[in-house]
N, C-alpha and C. Protein backbone atom coordinates (compact mmCIF):
# COMPACT_ATOMS: atom_id res chain seq x y z
N MET A 1 -13.35 26.05 5.16
CA MET A 1 -13.15 27.26 4.73
C MET A 1 -13.75 26.95 3.23
N GLY A 2 -13.55 28.26 2.17
CA GLY A 2 -14.82 28.04 0.82
C GLY A 2 -13.72 27.45 0.25
N TRP A 3 -14.72 27.94 -1.55
CA TRP A 3 -13.88 27.51 -2.30
C TRP A 3 -13.02 28.49 -2.94
N THR A 4 -11.93 27.96 -3.39
CA THR A 4 -11.09 28.67 -4.48
C THR A 4 -10.75 28.64 -5.79
N TYR A 5 -11.45 29.40 -6.91
CA TYR A 5 -11.12 29.84 -8.07
C TYR A 5 -9.91 30.61 -8.49
N THR A 6 -9.27 29.53 -9.56
CA THR A 6 -8.32 29.79 -10.27
C THR A 6 -7.86 29.81 -11.79
N TYR A 7 -7.04 29.59 -12.51
CA TYR A 7 -6.96 29.22 -13.74
C TYR A 7 -5.61 28.77 -13.75
N ARG A 8 -6.21 27.03 -14.33
CA ARG A 8 -5.47 26.17 -14.42
C ARG A 8 -4.92 25.90 -16.19
N GLY A 9 -5.55 26.16 -16.99
CA GLY A 9 -5.41 25.90 -17.90
C GLY A 9 -4.71 24.64 -18.67
N SER A 10 -3.71 24.29 -19.34
CA SER A 10 -3.07 23.07 -19.96
C SER A 10 -2.70 22.03 -18.86
N THR A 11 -2.23 22.59 -17.41
CA THR A 11 -1.82 22.22 -16.08
C THR A 11 -2.01 21.01 -15.82
N PRO A 12 -1.82 19.99 -16.04
CA PRO A 12 -2.02 18.70 -15.27
C PRO A 12 -2.67 18.81 -13.61
N VAL A 13 -3.57 17.87 -13.71
CA VAL A 13 -4.70 18.29 -12.52
C VAL A 13 -3.11 17.66 -10.66
N LYS A 14 -2.64 16.73 -10.62
CA LYS A 14 -1.58 16.53 -9.83
C LYS A 14 -0.48 17.99 -9.69
N GLN A 15 -0.03 18.33 -11.35
CA GLN A 15 1.12 19.36 -10.68
C GLN A 15 0.34 20.73 -10.54
N PHE A 16 -1.02 20.66 -10.74
CA PHE A 16 -1.41 22.32 -10.11
C PHE A 16 -1.57 21.90 -9.15
N LEU A 17 -1.28 21.14 -8.10
CA LEU A 17 -1.88 20.74 -6.96
C LEU A 17 -0.80 21.11 -6.06
N ALA A 18 0.25 19.91 -6.91
CA ALA A 18 2.01 20.45 -6.61
C ALA A 18 1.89 21.94 -6.39
N ASP A 19 2.15 22.80 -6.90
CA ASP A 19 2.43 23.77 -7.30
C ASP A 19 1.44 24.66 -6.53
N HIS A 20 0.27 24.51 -5.63
CA HIS A 20 -0.39 25.42 -4.71
C HIS A 20 0.08 24.88 -3.22
N VAL A 21 0.82 23.58 -3.12
CA VAL A 21 0.79 22.83 -1.63
C VAL A 21 2.42 23.01 -1.09
N ASN A 22 2.98 23.36 -2.45
CA ASN A 22 4.84 22.49 -2.10
C ASN A 22 5.53 23.99 -2.13
N CYS A 23 5.65 23.95 -0.82
CA CYS A 23 6.33 25.22 -0.58
C CYS A 23 7.29 25.32 0.66
N GLU A 24 8.13 26.41 0.61
CA GLU A 24 9.04 26.67 1.61
C GLU A 24 8.91 28.22 2.38
N ASN A 25 9.02 28.41 3.80
CA ASN A 25 9.18 29.82 4.27
C ASN A 25 10.30 29.64 4.96
N GLU A 26 10.02 30.72 5.91
CA GLU A 26 11.09 30.61 6.98
C GLU A 26 11.00 30.55 7.80
N HIS A 27 9.89 29.26 8.10
CA HIS A 27 9.24 29.04 9.37
C HIS A 27 9.46 27.27 8.80
N ALA A 28 8.56 26.72 8.28
CA ALA A 28 8.53 25.01 7.79
C ALA A 28 8.54 24.98 5.79
N ARG A 29 8.87 23.97 6.02
CA ARG A 29 8.73 23.51 4.35
C ARG A 29 7.92 22.29 4.46
N TRP A 30 6.90 22.04 3.01
CA TRP A 30 5.53 21.89 3.18
C TRP A 30 5.77 20.37 1.87
N LEU A 31 5.63 19.63 1.52
CA LEU A 31 6.11 18.92 0.41
C LEU A 31 5.73 17.47 0.62
N ILE A 32 4.77 17.08 -0.78
CA ILE A 32 4.05 16.62 -1.13
C ILE A 32 4.37 15.44 -1.23
N LEU A 33 4.75 13.93 -0.26
CA LEU A 33 5.32 13.06 -1.13
C LEU A 33 4.55 11.74 -1.72
N ASP A 34 3.13 11.94 -1.63
CA ASP A 34 2.18 11.16 -3.10
C ASP A 34 0.83 12.11 -2.94
N ILE A 35 0.23 11.48 -4.11
CA ILE A 35 -1.25 12.69 -4.28
C ILE A 35 -2.19 11.04 -4.84
N ALA A 36 -3.26 11.31 -5.06
CA ALA A 36 -4.41 10.11 -5.31
C ALA A 36 -5.36 10.76 -5.74
N ILE A 37 -5.67 10.90 -6.79
CA ILE A 37 -6.84 11.78 -7.36
C ILE A 37 -8.15 10.50 -7.36
N VAL A 38 -9.79 10.62 -6.59
CA VAL A 38 -10.44 10.17 -6.51
C VAL A 38 -11.45 10.28 -7.48
N LYS A 39 -11.89 9.47 -8.50
CA LYS A 39 -13.27 10.53 -9.07
C LYS A 39 -13.02 11.48 -9.83
N MET A 40 -12.29 12.02 -9.59
CA MET A 40 -11.82 13.30 -10.40
C MET A 40 -12.01 14.80 -9.69
N ARG A 41 -12.64 14.36 -8.48
CA ARG A 41 -13.75 15.09 -7.45
C ARG A 41 -12.98 15.20 -6.62
N THR A 42 -12.13 14.25 -5.98
CA THR A 42 -11.33 14.65 -4.67
C THR A 42 -9.58 14.45 -4.45
N ALA A 43 -8.91 14.87 -4.25
CA ALA A 43 -7.18 14.55 -4.09
C ALA A 43 -7.23 14.50 -2.66
N TYR A 44 -6.20 13.21 -2.71
CA TYR A 44 -5.16 12.86 -0.75
C TYR A 44 -4.43 13.02 -1.43
N MET A 45 -3.96 13.29 -0.14
CA MET A 45 -2.34 13.65 0.08
C MET A 45 -1.34 13.97 0.90
N ALA A 46 -0.31 12.94 0.82
CA ALA A 46 0.39 12.45 2.21
C ALA A 46 1.32 13.97 1.97
N VAL A 47 1.66 14.69 3.07
CA VAL A 47 2.27 16.46 2.90
C VAL A 47 3.05 15.89 3.87
N GLU A 48 4.63 16.39 3.87
CA GLU A 48 5.64 16.36 4.79
C GLU A 48 5.55 17.23 4.64
N ILE A 49 5.78 17.48 6.62
CA ILE A 49 5.82 19.32 7.11
C ILE A 49 6.73 18.57 8.40
N ILE A 50 8.51 19.98 7.99
CA ILE A 50 9.26 20.13 8.95
C ILE A 50 9.41 21.61 8.86
N GLN A 51 9.62 21.41 10.06
CA GLN A 51 9.82 22.98 10.92
C GLN A 51 11.10 23.72 10.39
N ARG A 52 11.55 24.77 11.01
CA ARG A 52 12.95 24.65 10.71
C ARG A 52 13.32 25.80 12.21
N ASP A 53 14.53 24.90 12.49
CA ASP A 53 15.16 25.62 14.12
C ASP A 53 15.13 26.98 13.58
N LYS A 54 14.74 27.90 15.34
CA LYS A 54 14.35 29.17 14.83
C LYS A 54 15.54 30.09 15.09
N GLU A 55 16.60 29.62 15.35
CA GLU A 55 18.19 29.89 15.47
C GLU A 55 19.29 29.97 14.33
N THR A 56 19.45 28.25 13.93
CA THR A 56 20.14 28.38 13.10
C THR A 56 19.28 28.42 11.24
N GLY A 57 17.94 28.19 11.47
CA GLY A 57 16.54 28.60 10.19
C GLY A 57 16.94 27.59 9.33
N GLN A 58 18.28 26.36 10.29
CA GLN A 58 17.93 25.17 9.00
C GLN A 58 16.38 24.03 9.24
N LEU A 59 16.19 23.09 8.22
CA LEU A 59 15.00 22.69 8.87
C LEU A 59 15.97 21.34 9.73
N ASP A 60 14.36 21.06 10.75
CA ASP A 60 14.69 20.67 11.80
C ASP A 60 13.88 19.39 11.74
N ARG A 61 15.16 17.86 10.98
CA ARG A 61 14.83 16.51 10.49
C ARG A 61 13.67 15.77 12.06
N ALA A 62 13.80 16.54 13.36
CA ALA A 62 13.37 16.22 14.48
C ALA A 62 11.80 16.68 14.36
N THR A 63 11.24 17.67 13.78
CA THR A 63 10.22 18.05 13.71
C THR A 63 9.48 17.49 12.77
N ARG A 64 9.60 16.55 11.72
CA ARG A 64 9.23 16.22 10.63
C ARG A 64 7.71 15.29 11.11
N LYS A 65 6.63 15.99 10.24
CA LYS A 65 6.05 14.84 10.54
C LYS A 65 4.82 14.72 9.35
N VAL A 66 4.21 13.70 8.34
CA VAL A 66 3.36 13.01 7.76
C VAL A 66 2.10 13.38 8.04
N VAL A 67 1.32 14.39 7.05
CA VAL A 67 0.51 14.28 7.48
C VAL A 67 -0.63 14.53 5.80
N ALA A 68 -1.78 14.18 6.34
CA ALA A 68 -3.27 13.79 4.99
C ALA A 68 -3.36 15.37 4.79
N PHE A 69 -3.69 15.81 3.17
CA PHE A 69 -4.27 16.65 2.86
C PHE A 69 -5.70 16.64 2.04
N VAL A 70 -6.81 17.03 2.13
CA VAL A 70 -7.94 16.50 1.27
C VAL A 70 -8.45 17.63 0.14
N PHE A 71 -8.24 17.76 -0.70
CA PHE A 71 -9.18 18.89 -1.65
C PHE A 71 -10.08 18.45 -2.31
N LEU A 72 -10.69 18.94 -2.02
CA LEU A 72 -12.16 18.96 -2.64
C LEU A 72 -12.22 19.53 -4.38
N LEU A 73 -12.29 18.96 -5.41
CA LEU A 73 -12.06 19.79 -7.12
C LEU A 73 -13.52 20.25 -7.68
N ASP A 74 -13.42 21.36 -8.79
CA ASP A 74 -14.29 21.26 -9.88
C ASP A 74 -13.90 21.89 -10.67
N TYR A 75 -14.07 21.87 -11.61
CA TYR A 75 -13.71 22.16 -13.70
C TYR A 75 -15.30 22.43 -13.89
N ARG A 76 -14.30 24.11 -14.31
CA ARG A 76 -15.22 24.78 -15.12
C ARG A 76 -14.40 24.94 -16.52
N PRO A 77 -14.46 24.28 -17.82
CA PRO A 77 -13.52 24.00 -18.26
C PRO A 77 -14.29 25.40 -19.71
N SER A 78 -15.32 25.61 -19.52
CA SER A 78 -16.18 27.14 -20.26
C SER A 78 -15.32 28.37 -19.99
N ASP A 79 -14.67 28.33 -18.56
CA ASP A 79 -14.53 29.44 -18.19
C ASP A 79 -13.40 30.06 -18.50
N PRO A 80 -12.77 30.95 -18.91
CA PRO A 80 -11.99 31.43 -19.48
C PRO A 80 -10.40 31.75 -18.56
N ASP A 81 -10.79 32.46 -17.82
CA ASP A 81 -10.40 33.25 -16.46
C ASP A 81 -10.13 32.03 -14.89
N TYR A 82 -11.60 31.42 -14.81
CA TYR A 82 -11.56 30.76 -13.86
C TYR A 82 -11.83 29.55 -13.35
N ASP A 83 -10.67 28.74 -14.62
CA ASP A 83 -11.67 26.96 -14.55
C ASP A 83 -10.89 26.04 -13.97
N MET A 84 -10.43 26.26 -12.77
CA MET A 84 -10.42 25.10 -11.90
C MET A 84 -10.84 25.56 -10.47
N GLY A 85 -10.97 24.92 -9.48
CA GLY A 85 -12.47 25.42 -8.13
C GLY A 85 -10.47 24.30 -7.25
N TYR A 86 -10.81 24.89 -6.29
CA TYR A 86 -10.71 23.53 -5.05
C TYR A 86 -11.14 24.40 -3.37
N LYS A 87 -11.55 23.33 -2.70
CA LYS A 87 -11.64 23.36 -1.70
C LYS A 87 -10.69 22.32 -0.63
N ASP A 88 -9.57 23.40 -0.03
CA ASP A 88 -8.49 22.75 0.80
C ASP A 88 -8.77 22.04 2.16
N MET A 89 -8.40 21.79 2.87
CA MET A 89 -8.60 20.98 4.52
C MET A 89 -7.20 20.11 4.15
N ASP A 90 -7.56 19.98 5.88
CA ASP A 90 -6.26 18.67 6.48
C ASP A 90 -7.21 17.87 6.68
N GLU A 91 -6.57 16.74 7.20
CA GLU A 91 -7.47 15.73 8.17
C GLU A 91 -7.63 15.91 9.54
N SER A 92 -7.17 16.73 10.09
CA SER A 92 -7.43 16.88 11.56
C SER A 92 -8.85 17.60 11.85
N MET A 93 -9.23 18.34 10.06
CA MET A 93 -10.91 18.71 10.18
C MET A 93 -11.76 17.58 10.35
N GLY A 94 -11.41 17.02 9.68
CA GLY A 94 -11.90 15.50 10.09
C GLY A 94 -13.22 15.37 8.86
N PRO A 95 -11.68 15.71 7.70
CA PRO A 95 -13.34 15.51 6.03
C PRO A 95 -14.06 14.51 6.23
N CYS A 96 -15.08 14.87 5.44
CA CYS A 96 -16.08 14.06 5.13
C CYS A 96 -15.81 12.72 4.03
N GLU A 97 -15.20 13.63 3.00
CA GLU A 97 -14.56 12.40 2.28
C GLU A 97 -13.81 11.54 2.97
N SER A 98 -13.25 10.14 2.91
CA SER A 98 -12.87 8.89 3.56
C SER A 98 -12.62 8.04 1.99
N GLU A 99 -12.47 8.21 0.71
CA GLU A 99 -11.65 7.16 0.50
C GLU A 99 -10.32 7.42 -0.15
N CYS A 100 -9.70 7.62 0.85
CA CYS A 100 -8.31 7.60 0.42
C CYS A 100 -7.39 6.30 0.77
N PRO A 101 -6.95 6.45 -0.36
CA PRO A 101 -6.25 4.96 -0.43
C PRO A 101 -5.12 4.46 0.29
N GLU A 102 -4.66 3.17 0.39
CA GLU A 102 -4.12 2.75 1.57
C GLU A 102 -2.78 3.13 1.14
N ARG A 103 -2.26 3.71 0.04
CA ARG A 103 -1.32 3.98 0.26
C ARG A 103 -0.20 5.24 0.51
N ILE A 104 -1.32 5.88 0.72
CA ILE A 104 -1.43 7.11 1.13
C ILE A 104 -1.35 7.79 2.60
N LEU A 105 -2.71 6.26 3.49
CA LEU A 105 -2.29 6.28 4.36
C LEU A 105 -1.26 5.60 5.44
N ASN A 106 -0.35 5.32 4.78
CA ASN A 106 0.51 3.99 5.16
C ASN A 106 1.73 5.36 5.29
N LEU A 107 1.77 6.75 4.43
CA LEU A 107 3.10 7.28 4.71
C LEU A 107 2.56 8.55 5.75
N LEU A 108 1.60 7.87 6.57
CA LEU A 108 1.40 9.58 7.30
C LEU A 108 1.95 8.85 8.61
N THR A 109 1.92 10.40 9.66
CA THR A 109 3.07 9.43 10.07
C THR A 109 2.38 9.67 12.08
N PRO A 110 2.37 9.42 13.26
CA PRO A 110 1.50 9.00 13.87
C PRO A 110 1.14 10.34 14.32
N THR A 111 -0.61 10.60 14.61
CA THR A 111 -1.31 11.72 15.12
C THR A 111 -1.76 11.71 16.23
N ASP A 112 -2.24 12.47 17.33
CA ASP A 112 -3.35 12.61 18.38
C ASP A 112 -4.58 13.69 18.50
N TYR A 113 -4.49 14.21 17.24
CA TYR A 113 -5.67 14.62 16.76
C TYR A 113 -7.02 13.33 16.39
N GLU A 114 -7.75 13.91 17.28
CA GLU A 114 -9.23 13.32 17.34
C GLU A 114 -9.72 13.15 16.38
N TYR A 115 -10.12 14.48 15.17
CA TYR A 115 -10.57 14.12 14.26
C TYR A 115 -9.69 13.37 13.27
N ALA A 116 -8.84 13.90 13.72
CA ALA A 116 -7.59 13.25 12.78
C ALA A 116 -7.55 11.41 12.66
N LEU A 117 -7.30 10.92 13.91
CA LEU A 117 -7.33 9.64 14.12
C LEU A 117 -8.65 8.88 13.78
N ALA A 118 -10.04 9.85 14.03
CA ALA A 118 -11.44 9.13 13.20
C ALA A 118 -11.63 9.64 12.04
N TRP A 119 -11.03 10.19 11.00
CA TRP A 119 -11.15 10.12 9.83
C TRP A 119 -10.03 9.38 9.40
N ARG A 120 -9.29 8.25 9.83
CA ARG A 120 -7.63 7.04 9.52
C ARG A 120 -9.00 6.14 9.54
N GLN A 121 -9.95 6.00 10.06
CA GLN A 121 -9.73 5.13 10.92
C GLN A 121 -11.59 4.77 9.88
N ARG A 122 -12.00 5.67 9.22
CA ARG A 122 -13.30 5.60 8.37
C ARG A 122 -12.15 5.67 7.04
N CYS A 123 -11.39 5.90 6.56
CA CYS A 123 -10.91 5.17 5.70
C CYS A 123 -10.07 3.94 5.48
N ARG A 124 -9.87 3.75 6.20
CA ARG A 124 -9.89 2.02 6.68
C ARG A 124 -10.44 1.20 6.71
N ASP A 125 -11.85 1.53 7.33
CA ASP A 125 -12.91 0.95 6.63
C ASP A 125 -13.25 0.96 5.58
N THR A 126 -13.78 2.21 4.86
CA THR A 126 -13.54 2.28 3.14
C THR A 126 -12.64 1.08 2.77
N ILE A 127 -11.55 0.84 2.81
CA ILE A 127 -10.51 0.15 2.27
C ILE A 127 -10.59 -1.09 2.92
N ALA A 128 -11.47 -1.54 3.75
CA ALA A 128 -11.90 -3.31 4.05
C ALA A 128 -13.06 -3.38 3.42
N ARG A 129 -13.94 -2.52 3.36
CA ARG A 129 -15.49 -2.99 2.88
C ARG A 129 -14.85 -2.99 1.23
N LYS A 130 -14.00 -1.98 0.72
CA LYS A 130 -13.97 -2.99 -1.00
C LYS A 130 -12.83 -3.49 -1.12
N LYS A 131 -12.08 -4.09 -0.17
CA LYS A 131 -11.26 -5.30 -0.23
C LYS A 131 -11.86 -6.69 -0.10
N ALA A 132 -13.20 -6.73 1.04
CA ALA A 132 -14.18 -7.73 0.92
C ALA A 132 -15.25 -7.96 -0.22
N PHE A 133 -15.42 -6.85 -0.53
CA PHE A 133 -16.49 -6.92 -2.07
C PHE A 133 -15.57 -7.04 -3.38
N ARG A 134 -14.65 -7.47 -3.45
CA ARG A 134 -14.34 -7.57 -4.99
C ARG A 134 -14.45 -8.52 -5.35
N LEU A 135 -15.16 -8.07 -6.77
CA LEU A 135 -16.27 -9.19 -7.23
C LEU A 135 -15.10 -10.23 -8.11
N SER A 136 -15.84 -11.48 -8.49
CA SER A 136 -15.10 -12.63 -9.98
C SER A 136 -16.66 -13.10 -10.56
N LYS A 137 -15.64 -13.44 -11.33
CA LYS A 137 -17.01 -14.33 -12.06
C LYS A 137 -17.16 -15.48 -11.76
N ASP A 138 -18.78 -15.84 -12.19
CA ASP A 138 -19.16 -17.00 -11.07
C ASP A 138 -19.39 -16.90 -9.25
N THR A 139 -19.68 -15.78 -8.95
CA THR A 139 -19.45 -15.67 -7.62
C THR A 139 -21.18 -15.57 -7.01
N VAL A 140 -21.60 -15.76 -6.14
CA VAL A 140 -22.53 -15.55 -5.91
C VAL A 140 -23.07 -15.28 -4.55
N ILE A 141 -24.27 -13.89 -4.89
CA ILE A 141 -24.57 -12.81 -3.93
C ILE A 141 -25.55 -13.00 -3.34
N GLU A 142 -25.79 -13.08 -1.93
CA GLU A 142 -27.24 -12.39 -1.10
C GLU A 142 -26.98 -11.28 -0.65
N THR A 143 -28.08 -10.77 -1.11
CA THR A 143 -28.68 -9.33 -1.39
C THR A 143 -29.68 -8.54 0.27
N ARG A 144 -30.19 -7.85 0.32
CA ARG A 144 -31.64 -7.41 1.13
C ARG A 144 -32.22 -7.37 -0.55
N PRO A 145 -33.49 -7.32 -0.71
CA PRO A 145 -34.24 -7.09 -1.76
C PRO A 145 -33.81 -5.52 -2.23
N ILE A 146 -34.05 -6.18 -3.19
CA ILE A 146 -33.19 -5.26 -4.43
C ILE A 146 -34.58 -4.67 -5.60
N SER A 147 -34.94 -3.40 -5.69
CA SER A 147 -36.23 -3.45 -6.62
C SER A 147 -35.64 -2.69 -7.88
N PHE A 148 -35.81 -3.92 -8.91
CA PHE A 148 -36.08 -3.65 -10.48
C PHE A 148 -37.19 -2.81 -11.14
N GLN A 149 -36.93 -2.19 -12.62
CA GLN A 149 -38.57 -1.58 -13.31
C GLN A 149 -39.13 -2.70 -13.76
N ASP A 150 -38.80 -3.80 -13.78
CA ASP A 150 -40.03 -4.41 -13.71
C ASP A 150 -41.31 -4.64 -12.37
N GLY A 151 -40.91 -4.16 -11.59
CA GLY A 151 -41.61 -3.76 -10.46
C GLY A 151 -41.09 -5.68 -9.25
N ARG A 152 -40.17 -6.13 -10.21
CA ARG A 152 -39.67 -7.71 -9.27
C ARG A 152 -38.68 -7.14 -8.23
N GLU A 153 -38.75 -7.37 -7.32
CA GLU A 153 -37.40 -7.40 -6.12
C GLU A 153 -36.70 -8.97 -5.85
N ARG A 154 -35.48 -8.74 -6.48
CA ARG A 154 -34.17 -9.98 -5.95
C ARG A 154 -33.02 -9.81 -5.06
N THR A 155 -32.68 -11.00 -4.66
CA THR A 155 -32.07 -11.45 -3.82
C THR A 155 -30.92 -11.81 -4.07
N ARG A 156 -30.61 -12.85 -4.53
CA ARG A 156 -29.78 -13.42 -5.21
C ARG A 156 -29.13 -13.98 -6.46
N PHE A 157 -28.12 -13.59 -6.69
CA PHE A 157 -27.46 -13.12 -8.27
C PHE A 157 -26.10 -13.91 -7.89
N LYS A 158 -26.09 -14.09 -9.38
CA LYS A 158 -24.73 -14.64 -9.40
C LYS A 158 -24.03 -13.61 -10.68
N VAL A 159 -22.35 -13.58 -10.47
CA VAL A 159 -21.70 -12.86 -10.79
C VAL A 159 -21.39 -13.34 -12.51
N ILE A 160 -21.83 -12.69 -13.83
CA ILE A 160 -21.68 -13.11 -15.05
C ILE A 160 -20.22 -12.47 -15.52
N SER A 161 -20.30 -11.12 -15.49
CA SER A 161 -19.43 -10.39 -15.96
C SER A 161 -19.57 -9.81 -15.29
N CYS A 162 -17.77 -9.13 -14.73
CA CYS A 162 -17.79 -8.15 -14.03
C CYS A 162 -17.26 -6.81 -14.86
N ARG A 163 -16.62 -6.76 -16.07
CA ARG A 163 -17.03 -5.10 -16.61
C ARG A 163 -17.32 -5.51 -18.08
N PRO A 164 -18.32 -4.99 -18.57
CA PRO A 164 -19.54 -4.04 -17.29
C PRO A 164 -19.88 -4.88 -16.27
N LEU A 165 -20.52 -4.57 -15.40
CA LEU A 165 -20.86 -5.77 -13.89
C LEU A 165 -22.51 -5.62 -14.89
N ARG A 166 -22.62 -7.50 -14.89
CA ARG A 166 -23.52 -8.38 -15.30
C ARG A 166 -24.10 -9.49 -13.85
N LEU A 167 -25.46 -9.73 -13.55
CA LEU A 167 -25.36 -10.38 -12.39
C LEU A 167 -27.13 -11.33 -13.30
N LEU A 168 -26.77 -13.10 -12.83
CA LEU A 168 -27.93 -13.10 -13.11
C LEU A 168 -28.77 -13.54 -12.24
N CYS A 169 -29.96 -13.01 -11.63
CA CYS A 169 -31.02 -12.97 -10.74
C CYS A 169 -30.83 -15.09 -10.84
N LEU A 170 -30.52 -15.59 -9.37
CA LEU A 170 -31.03 -16.82 -9.42
C LEU A 170 -32.73 -16.95 -9.28
N GLU A 171 -33.02 -16.32 -9.10
CA GLU A 171 -34.60 -16.52 -8.41
C GLU A 171 -34.97 -16.91 -9.31
N THR A 172 -35.02 -15.57 -10.82
CA THR A 172 -35.70 -15.17 -11.84
C THR A 172 -35.06 -15.72 -13.05
N HIS A 173 -33.58 -16.48 -13.15
CA HIS A 173 -32.56 -16.83 -14.08
C HIS A 173 -32.80 -15.17 -15.26
N THR A 174 -32.64 -13.79 -14.73
CA THR A 174 -32.84 -12.74 -15.19
C THR A 174 -31.53 -11.91 -14.92
N ILE A 175 -31.27 -11.47 -16.70
CA ILE A 175 -29.65 -10.82 -16.54
C ILE A 175 -30.04 -9.55 -15.81
N CYS A 176 -29.22 -9.09 -14.59
CA CYS A 176 -29.78 -7.74 -14.10
C CYS A 176 -28.62 -6.51 -14.72
N ARG A 177 -28.71 -5.34 -14.00
CA ARG A 177 -27.93 -5.09 -14.12
C ARG A 177 -28.10 -3.97 -13.20
N VAL A 178 -26.66 -3.98 -12.29
CA VAL A 178 -26.69 -3.64 -11.12
C VAL A 178 -25.64 -2.66 -10.72
N SER A 179 -25.91 -1.19 -10.39
CA SER A 179 -24.42 -0.05 -9.42
C SER A 179 -22.87 -1.19 -8.75
N ARG A 180 -22.07 -1.26 -8.85
CA ARG A 180 -21.14 -2.01 -7.95
C ARG A 180 -21.83 -0.90 -7.01
N ARG A 181 -21.54 0.21 -6.71
CA ARG A 181 -22.43 1.08 -5.38
C ARG A 181 -23.48 0.57 -4.87
N THR A 182 -24.21 0.05 -4.89
CA THR A 182 -26.04 -0.24 -5.06
C THR A 182 -25.49 -1.90 -3.63
N LEU A 183 -25.27 -2.68 -5.18
CA LEU A 183 -25.15 -4.36 -4.20
C LEU A 183 -23.80 -3.67 -3.37
N GLN A 184 -23.41 -3.31 -3.13
CA GLN A 184 -21.91 -3.27 -1.76
C GLN A 184 -23.06 -2.83 -1.09
N SER A 185 -23.67 -1.85 -1.02
CA SER A 185 -24.43 -1.43 0.10
C SER A 185 -25.62 -1.90 0.40
N MET A 186 -25.97 -3.02 -0.66
CA MET A 186 -27.13 -3.74 -0.06
C MET A 186 -26.60 -5.08 0.10
N HIS A 187 -25.08 -5.80 0.11
CA HIS A 187 -25.16 -7.15 0.23
C HIS A 187 -24.86 -7.59 1.10
N ILE A 188 -25.61 -9.23 1.66
CA ILE A 188 -25.13 -9.82 2.87
C ILE A 188 -24.16 -10.60 3.17
N GLN A 189 -24.12 -11.58 1.78
CA GLN A 189 -22.56 -12.66 2.46
C GLN A 189 -22.39 -12.62 0.61
N LYS A 190 -21.24 -13.75 0.45
CA LYS A 190 -20.94 -13.87 -1.09
C LYS A 190 -20.83 -15.22 -0.92
N ARG A 191 -20.76 -16.15 -2.38
CA ARG A 191 -20.28 -17.50 -1.90
C ARG A 191 -19.91 -17.51 -2.91
N ALA A 192 -19.75 -19.04 -3.85
CA ALA A 192 -18.91 -19.63 -4.29
C ALA A 192 -19.19 -19.93 -5.80
N LYS A 193 -19.59 -20.45 -6.72
CA LYS A 193 -19.76 -20.93 -8.20
C LYS A 193 -21.26 -21.61 -8.49
N LEU A 194 -21.77 -21.49 -9.70
CA LEU A 194 -22.65 -21.97 -10.07
C LEU A 194 -23.15 -21.86 -11.63
N PRO A 195 -24.64 -22.31 -11.99
CA PRO A 195 -24.36 -22.24 -13.65
C PRO A 195 -25.02 -21.45 -14.35
N ILE A 196 -25.73 -21.36 -15.68
CA ILE A 196 -26.36 -19.94 -16.40
C ILE A 196 -27.57 -20.16 -17.16
N ASN A 197 -28.57 -18.78 -17.39
CA ASN A 197 -29.55 -18.61 -18.03
C ASN A 197 -29.74 -16.99 -18.37
N ASP A 198 -30.92 -16.51 -19.15
CA ASP A 198 -31.02 -15.37 -19.96
C ASP A 198 -32.29 -14.16 -19.93
N ASN A 199 -31.91 -13.16 -20.12
CA ASN A 199 -33.22 -12.69 -20.42
C ASN A 199 -33.01 -11.21 -19.60
N GLU A 200 -32.89 -9.64 -20.32
CA GLU A 200 -32.19 -8.72 -19.55
C GLU A 200 -32.82 -7.55 -18.97
N VAL A 201 -32.32 -7.23 -17.21
CA VAL A 201 -33.28 -6.19 -16.57
C VAL A 201 -32.98 -5.33 -16.05
N LYS A 202 -32.88 -3.83 -15.28
CA LYS A 202 -32.05 -3.36 -14.61
C LYS A 202 -32.58 -2.71 -13.67
N ILE A 203 -32.36 -1.89 -12.63
CA ILE A 203 -32.89 -1.19 -11.52
C ILE A 203 -33.26 0.16 -11.90
């Protein structure tokens, strides 16, 4: 599906999305159980879907399932008429975005859809990588060679600050700034503790 642009105004983003997803008709009911917005650009939702019995018109709990919806988000605050854009999909479409929080994944009911299963696994792999890469002060990190603006490549660092992230290069005793994303993609292993020195350089 393509992008849809509409007016959000002062409505909070989560409420705006709930207004677009939560609905009921003669066939079924759709209800968001939980929603998470990651980096303000992607919304992940656990959506409960219950079909109605064709004869009685009542919600049939036996048909209950919880699936993941993924909405890509765009903001145009200067547009007076179309200040909010979204592109919606569900997990059976195998979204490229795979940073769904664990709490959302844990609400989903089992599925047989191949793309949905693959998507759920990618999300869990992302979660596992992040858990394995949690940084703490004095942790020693070894990486593949990272190039810096001074022309040098560095591979061994000690974390001297987590917020903001600052590393001490153990080879040159220079304080370095490296993004978490770069560090995560380049790291080989982490170890425990070590001592300090200074001089600052960045990628």
